[in-house]
Amino acid sequence: MHPDIHLALHHARAAELRAETEPRPAHRHALRTRLGWTLIEVGLKLAARPGPLPAH
């Protein structure tokens, strides 16, 4: 492969990887929403869990 082509492909791939790592507002919102619902689900499971059995 010609060095110029290799370098151009490298720059293109590097730009793609940088674009993937930049936080997008919609992505952040979706992650925050998913985390919030997961915390609610865990809280409801803990609240519905029966307590320890009373000692006789």
Protein backbone atom coordinates (compact mmCIF):
# COMPACT_ATOMS: atom_id res chain seq x y z
CA MET A 1 0.00 0.00 0.00
CA HIS A 2 1.26 3.43 -0.86
CA PRO A 3 2.33 5.42 2.24
CA ASP A 4 0.05 8.37 1.39
CA ILE A 5 -2.98 6.11 1.17
CA HIS A 6 -2.06 4.41 4.43
CA LEU A 7 -1.70 7.79 6.15
CA ALA A 8 -5.03 9.03 4.75
CA LEU A 9 -6.79 5.88 6.00
CA HIS A 10 -5.15 6.30 9.39
CA HIS A 11 -6.38 9.90 9.67
CA ALA A 12 -9.89 8.92 8.60
CA ARG A 13 -10.07 6.10 11.16
CA ALA A 14 -8.67 8.34 13.90
CA ALA A 15 -11.36 10.93 13.15
CA GLU A 16 -14.06 8.23 13.32
CA LEU A 17 -12.78 7.01 16.69
CA ARG A 18 -12.65 10.55 18.10
CA ALA A 19 -16.23 11.16 16.92
CA GLU A 20 -17.38 7.97 18.65
CA THR A 21 -15.84 8.97 21.98
CA GLU A 22 -17.28 12.49 22.09
CA PRO A 23 -20.32 12.53 24.35
CA ARG A 24 -23.47 13.38 22.48
CA PRO A 25 -26.25 15.15 24.39
CA ALA A 26 -28.86 12.59 23.37
CA HIS A 27 -26.57 9.74 24.36
CA ARG A 28 -25.88 11.30 27.76
CA HIS A 29 -29.60 11.79 28.31
CA ALA A 30 -30.37 8.19 27.38
CA LEU A 31 -27.65 6.89 29.70
CA ARG A 32 -28.88 9.06 32.55
CA THR A 33 -32.46 7.89 31.99
CA ARG A 34 -31.44 4.22 31.89
CA LEU A 35 -29.38 4.62 35.07
CA GLY A 36 -32.27 6.37 36.82
CA TRP A 37 -34.75 3.62 35.98
CA THR A 38 -32.25 0.97 37.08
CA LEU A 39 -31.88 2.70 40.45
CA ILE A 40 -35.65 2.89 40.82
CA GLU A 41 -35.96 -0.81 39.99
CA VAL A 42 -33.33 -1.75 42.58
CA GLY A 43 -35.01 0.46 45.17
CA LEU A 44 -38.40 -1.15 44.54
CA LYS A 45 -36.90 -4.63 44.83
CA LEU A 46 -35.28 -3.70 48.13
CA ALA A 47 -38.53 -2.17 49.43
CA ALA A 48 -40.57 -5.23 48.44
CA ARG A 49 -38.08 -7.67 49.95
CA PRO A 50 -39.50 -9.29 53.10
CA GLY A 51 -37.69 -8.45 56.31
CA PRO A 52 -36.04 -10.97 58.59
CA LEU A 53 -38.30 -13.51 60.23
CA PRO A 54 -39.20 -12.74 63.85
CA ALA A 55 -37.43 -14.90 66.45
CA HIS A 56 -39.63 -17.12 68.62
